[in-house]
Amino acid sequence: MEKEKVTLSIPSEILPIVSKKTSEIPSRVFEYLILELYRLGEISSGKAAQYLDMERFEFVRFASRLGIPFIEMEKEEILEDYESAKTGKVVRVQDL
C-alpha cells in the first residue's frame, strides 16, 4: 500500500491526551482517522481492518468497544427484524 507523509499541527496540550509517547502519536492519529472514516461510512470494516493491520472481526470488536457500532439500525428497524424472525417472514432484498 502506497503511503503519503502528511504534516499536521496539533495544539501541544492535546499531545499528552493522544499518547504518552511522542513516537506513538502518528499511529494513534492514523487510527483515529480510520475509525472516523469507518464511523461515517466512508470505508468498510474490511478496509479499515486492512489499514490498521487487523483481522476484520478484530476491528469490528475494537470499534464496538469504542462505541462505534458494526450495524447502525434505528429502534424501529430492530423491532421489525425481531418480529420478522419470530413469525418466520422472509424479507427479500427487492422488497426493501
N, C-alpha and C. Protein backbone atom coordinates (compact mmCIF):
# COMPACT_ATOMS: atom_id res chain seq x y z
N MET A 1 0.84 -1.17 0.00
CA MET A 1 0.00 0.00 0.00
C MET A 1 0.90 1.24 0.00
N GLU A 2 0.66 2.11 -0.94
CA GLU A 2 1.43 3.35 -1.03
C GLU A 2 1.00 4.31 0.07
N LYS A 3 1.96 5.02 0.64
CA LYS A 3 1.65 5.95 1.72
C LYS A 3 2.20 7.33 1.39
N GLU A 4 1.51 8.34 1.89
CA GLU A 4 1.94 9.73 1.77
C GLU A 4 2.29 10.23 3.16
N LYS A 5 3.29 11.07 3.24
CA LYS A 5 3.65 11.68 4.52
C LYS A 5 2.90 13.01 4.62
N VAL A 6 2.26 13.25 5.76
CA VAL A 6 1.46 14.45 5.98
C VAL A 6 1.96 15.14 7.24
N THR A 7 2.07 16.46 7.18
CA THR A 7 2.45 17.23 8.36
C THR A 7 1.17 17.78 8.98
N LEU A 8 1.07 17.65 10.29
CA LEU A 8 -0.14 18.05 10.99
C LEU A 8 0.24 18.90 12.19
N SER A 9 -0.40 20.05 12.34
CA SER A 9 -0.16 20.90 13.51
C SER A 9 -1.24 20.62 14.55
N ILE A 10 -0.80 20.25 15.74
CA ILE A 10 -1.72 19.90 16.83
C ILE A 10 -1.34 20.74 18.05
N PRO A 11 -2.33 21.32 18.73
CA PRO A 11 -2.01 22.07 19.95
C PRO A 11 -1.26 21.18 20.94
N SER A 12 -0.21 21.73 21.52
CA SER A 12 0.67 20.94 22.39
C SER A 12 -0.05 20.34 23.59
N GLU A 13 -1.10 20.99 24.08
CA GLU A 13 -1.80 20.42 25.25
C GLU A 13 -2.61 19.17 24.90
N ILE A 14 -2.85 18.94 23.62
CA ILE A 14 -3.59 17.75 23.20
C ILE A 14 -2.66 16.53 23.09
N LEU A 15 -1.42 16.76 22.78
CA LEU A 15 -0.48 15.66 22.54
C LEU A 15 -0.43 14.63 23.67
N PRO A 16 -0.35 15.03 24.94
CA PRO A 16 -0.33 14.02 26.00
C PRO A 16 -1.63 13.21 26.09
N ILE A 17 -2.73 13.80 25.62
CA ILE A 17 -4.01 13.08 25.61
C ILE A 17 -3.98 12.00 24.54
N VAL A 18 -3.40 12.32 23.40
CA VAL A 18 -3.32 11.38 22.28
C VAL A 18 -2.45 10.19 22.65
N SER A 19 -1.30 10.47 23.23
CA SER A 19 -0.39 9.39 23.62
C SER A 19 0.66 9.92 24.59
N LYS A 20 1.05 9.07 25.50
CA LYS A 20 2.11 9.42 26.46
C LYS A 20 3.47 9.47 25.78
N LYS A 21 3.62 8.67 24.72
CA LYS A 21 4.89 8.61 24.00
C LYS A 21 4.76 9.37 22.68
N THR A 22 5.63 10.32 22.46
CA THR A 22 5.61 11.11 21.23
C THR A 22 5.73 10.23 19.99
N SER A 23 6.50 9.18 20.08
CA SER A 23 6.70 8.30 18.93
C SER A 23 5.42 7.57 18.50
N GLU A 24 4.44 7.45 19.39
CA GLU A 24 3.18 6.76 19.07
C GLU A 24 2.13 7.68 18.46
N ILE A 25 2.35 8.99 18.49
CA ILE A 25 1.33 9.95 18.05
C ILE A 25 0.92 9.74 16.59
N PRO A 26 1.84 9.60 15.63
CA PRO A 26 1.39 9.40 14.25
C PRO A 26 0.49 8.18 14.08
N SER A 27 0.83 7.08 14.70
CA SER A 27 -0.01 5.88 14.55
C SER A 27 -1.36 6.05 15.24
N ARG A 28 -1.40 6.73 16.37
CA ARG A 28 -2.67 6.98 17.05
C ARG A 28 -3.58 7.89 16.23
N VAL A 29 -3.01 8.94 15.65
CA VAL A 29 -3.79 9.86 14.81
C VAL A 29 -4.32 9.11 13.58
N PHE A 30 -3.50 8.25 12.99
CA PHE A 30 -3.94 7.45 11.85
C PHE A 30 -5.09 6.53 12.27
N GLU A 31 -4.96 5.91 13.43
CA GLU A 31 -6.02 5.04 13.96
C GLU A 31 -7.32 5.82 14.12
N TYR A 32 -7.24 7.02 14.69
CA TYR A 32 -8.44 7.86 14.86
C TYR A 32 -9.06 8.21 13.51
N LEU A 33 -8.23 8.51 12.54
CA LEU A 33 -8.71 8.84 11.20
C LEU A 33 -9.47 7.66 10.59
N ILE A 34 -8.89 6.48 10.68
CA ILE A 34 -9.54 5.29 10.12
C ILE A 34 -10.85 5.00 10.84
N LEU A 35 -10.86 5.11 12.16
CA LEU A 35 -12.10 4.89 12.92
C LEU A 35 -13.18 5.88 12.52
N GLU A 36 -12.81 7.13 12.33
CA GLU A 36 -13.80 8.14 11.94
C GLU A 36 -14.31 7.91 10.53
N LEU A 37 -13.44 7.54 9.61
CA LEU A 37 -13.88 7.23 8.25
C LEU A 37 -14.85 6.05 8.25
N TYR A 38 -14.57 5.06 9.07
CA TYR A 38 -15.47 3.91 9.20
C TYR A 38 -16.80 4.33 9.81
N ARG A 39 -16.75 5.13 10.88
CA ARG A 39 -17.97 5.58 11.55
C ARG A 39 -18.87 6.37 10.59
N LEU A 40 -18.26 7.16 9.72
CA LEU A 40 -19.00 7.96 8.76
C LEU A 40 -19.49 7.14 7.56
N GLY A 41 -19.05 5.89 7.47
CA GLY A 41 -19.46 5.05 6.35
C GLY A 41 -18.64 5.29 5.08
N GLU A 42 -17.51 5.96 5.21
CA GLU A 42 -16.66 6.24 4.05
C GLU A 42 -15.82 5.04 3.64
N ILE A 43 -15.52 4.16 4.60
CA ILE A 43 -14.79 2.93 4.29
C ILE A 43 -15.47 1.77 5.01
N SER A 44 -15.28 0.58 4.50
CA SER A 44 -15.88 -0.62 5.09
C SER A 44 -15.07 -1.11 6.28
N SER A 45 -15.67 -2.00 7.05
CA SER A 45 -14.94 -2.58 8.18
C SER A 45 -13.74 -3.40 7.68
N GLY A 46 -13.89 -4.05 6.54
CA GLY A 46 -12.79 -4.82 5.98
C GLY A 46 -11.62 -3.93 5.57
N LYS A 47 -11.94 -2.81 4.94
CA LYS A 47 -10.89 -1.88 4.52
C LYS A 47 -10.24 -1.24 5.74
N ALA A 48 -11.04 -0.87 6.75
CA ALA A 48 -10.50 -0.29 7.98
C ALA A 48 -9.56 -1.28 8.66
N ALA A 49 -9.98 -2.53 8.71
CA ALA A 49 -9.14 -3.57 9.32
C ALA A 49 -7.83 -3.71 8.56
N GLN A 50 -7.91 -3.67 7.25
CA GLN A 50 -6.70 -3.77 6.42
C GLN A 50 -5.75 -2.62 6.72
N TYR A 51 -6.28 -1.40 6.79
CA TYR A 51 -5.42 -0.23 7.07
C TYR A 51 -4.77 -0.33 8.45
N LEU A 52 -5.48 -0.90 9.42
CA LEU A 52 -4.95 -0.99 10.78
C LEU A 52 -4.24 -2.32 11.05
N ASP A 53 -4.07 -3.11 9.99
CA ASP A 53 -3.37 -4.39 10.08
C ASP A 53 -4.02 -5.31 11.12
N MET A 54 -5.34 -5.46 11.00
CA MET A 54 -6.12 -6.31 11.90
C MET A 54 -6.97 -7.25 11.07
N GLU A 55 -7.44 -8.30 11.70
CA GLU A 55 -8.48 -9.13 11.09
C GLU A 55 -9.78 -8.33 11.17
N ARG A 56 -10.70 -8.57 10.23
CA ARG A 56 -11.95 -7.82 10.20
C ARG A 56 -12.72 -7.93 11.51
N PHE A 57 -12.87 -9.14 12.03
CA PHE A 57 -13.61 -9.33 13.28
C PHE A 57 -12.95 -8.59 14.43
N GLU A 58 -11.62 -8.60 14.45
CA GLU A 58 -10.87 -7.89 15.49
C GLU A 58 -11.17 -6.38 15.41
N PHE A 59 -11.22 -5.84 14.18
CA PHE A 59 -11.53 -4.42 14.03
C PHE A 59 -12.95 -4.12 14.48
N VAL A 60 -13.91 -4.94 14.10
CA VAL A 60 -15.31 -4.72 14.50
C VAL A 60 -15.42 -4.69 16.01
N ARG A 61 -14.77 -5.62 16.69
CA ARG A 61 -14.79 -5.63 18.16
C ARG A 61 -14.11 -4.39 18.72
N PHE A 62 -12.98 -4.01 18.14
CA PHE A 62 -12.24 -2.83 18.57
C PHE A 62 -13.11 -1.57 18.44
N ALA A 63 -13.73 -1.40 17.28
CA ALA A 63 -14.59 -0.23 17.05
C ALA A 63 -15.80 -0.25 17.99
N SER A 64 -16.37 -1.42 18.19
CA SER A 64 -17.54 -1.55 19.09
C SER A 64 -17.19 -1.15 20.51
N ARG A 65 -16.01 -1.54 20.97
CA ARG A 65 -15.58 -1.15 22.32
C ARG A 65 -15.45 0.36 22.45
N LEU A 66 -15.22 1.04 21.35
CA LEU A 66 -15.11 2.50 21.35
C LEU A 66 -16.44 3.18 21.05
N GLY A 67 -17.51 2.38 21.01
CA GLY A 67 -18.85 2.94 20.80
C GLY A 67 -19.23 3.13 19.35
N ILE A 68 -18.49 2.53 18.43
CA ILE A 68 -18.81 2.62 17.01
C ILE A 68 -19.46 1.30 16.60
N PRO A 69 -20.77 1.32 16.34
CA PRO A 69 -21.47 0.07 16.06
C PRO A 69 -21.12 -0.52 14.70
N PHE A 70 -21.19 -1.84 14.63
CA PHE A 70 -20.96 -2.54 13.37
C PHE A 70 -22.15 -2.34 12.44
N ILE A 71 -23.34 -2.48 13.01
CA ILE A 71 -24.57 -2.29 12.25
C ILE A 71 -25.32 -1.14 12.91
N GLU A 72 -25.63 -0.14 12.12
CA GLU A 72 -26.34 1.00 12.65
C GLU A 72 -27.79 0.91 12.20
N MET A 73 -28.65 0.60 13.15
CA MET A 73 -30.07 0.45 12.84
C MET A 73 -30.89 1.27 13.82
N GLU A 74 -32.00 1.79 13.33
CA GLU A 74 -32.94 2.50 14.19
C GLU A 74 -33.72 1.48 15.00
N LYS A 75 -34.27 1.91 16.12
CA LYS A 75 -35.03 1.03 17.00
C LYS A 75 -36.16 0.33 16.23
N GLU A 76 -36.83 1.07 15.36
CA GLU A 76 -37.95 0.50 14.59
C GLU A 76 -37.47 -0.63 13.68
N GLU A 77 -36.31 -0.45 13.07
CA GLU A 77 -35.76 -1.48 12.19
C GLU A 77 -35.43 -2.75 12.98
N ILE A 78 -34.88 -2.58 14.16
CA ILE A 78 -34.56 -3.73 15.00
C ILE A 78 -35.83 -4.47 15.39
N LEU A 79 -36.86 -3.72 15.78
CA LEU A 79 -38.13 -4.34 16.16
C LEU A 79 -38.77 -5.06 14.98
N GLU A 80 -38.71 -4.46 13.79
CA GLU A 80 -39.24 -5.11 12.59
C GLU A 80 -38.51 -6.42 12.31
N ASP A 81 -37.19 -6.39 12.41
CA ASP A 81 -36.40 -7.60 12.19
C ASP A 81 -36.74 -8.67 13.22
N TYR A 82 -36.91 -8.24 14.45
CA TYR A 82 -37.26 -9.17 15.53
C TYR A 82 -38.62 -9.82 15.25
N GLU A 83 -39.60 -9.01 14.88
CA GLU A 83 -40.94 -9.54 14.58
C GLU A 83 -40.89 -10.48 13.37
N SER A 84 -40.12 -10.10 12.36
CA SER A 84 -39.97 -10.96 11.18
C SER A 84 -39.36 -12.30 11.55
N ALA A 85 -38.37 -12.27 12.42
CA ALA A 85 -37.72 -13.50 12.86
C ALA A 85 -38.69 -14.38 13.64
N LYS A 86 -39.52 -13.76 14.48
CA LYS A 86 -40.49 -14.52 15.28
C LYS A 86 -41.53 -15.19 14.40
N THR A 87 -41.99 -14.49 13.37
CA THR A 87 -43.05 -15.02 12.52
C THR A 87 -42.52 -15.88 11.38
N GLY A 88 -41.23 -15.83 11.16
CA GLY A 88 -40.64 -16.59 10.07
C GLY A 88 -40.80 -15.91 8.73
N LYS A 89 -41.27 -14.67 8.74
CA LYS A 89 -41.45 -13.92 7.50
C LYS A 89 -40.08 -13.58 6.92
N VAL A 90 -39.90 -13.88 5.66
CA VAL A 90 -38.63 -13.60 4.99
C VAL A 90 -38.77 -12.31 4.20
N VAL A 91 -37.83 -11.41 4.39
CA VAL A 91 -37.82 -10.16 3.64
C VAL A 91 -36.76 -10.28 2.57
N ARG A 92 -37.19 -10.12 1.31
CA ARG A 92 -36.25 -10.20 0.19
C ARG A 92 -35.67 -8.82 -0.08
N VAL A 93 -34.47 -8.79 -0.61
CA VAL A 93 -33.79 -7.53 -0.88
C VAL A 93 -34.65 -6.63 -1.77
N GLN A 94 -35.29 -7.20 -2.78
CA GLN A 94 -36.09 -6.38 -3.69
C GLN A 94 -37.33 -5.80 -3.00
N ASP A 95 -37.71 -6.32 -1.82
CA ASP A 95 -38.85 -5.77 -1.08
C ASP A 95 -38.47 -4.53 -0.29
N LEU A 96 -37.19 -4.27 -0.15
CA LEU A 96 -36.74 -3.14 0.68
C LEU A 96 -36.87 -1.83 -0.02
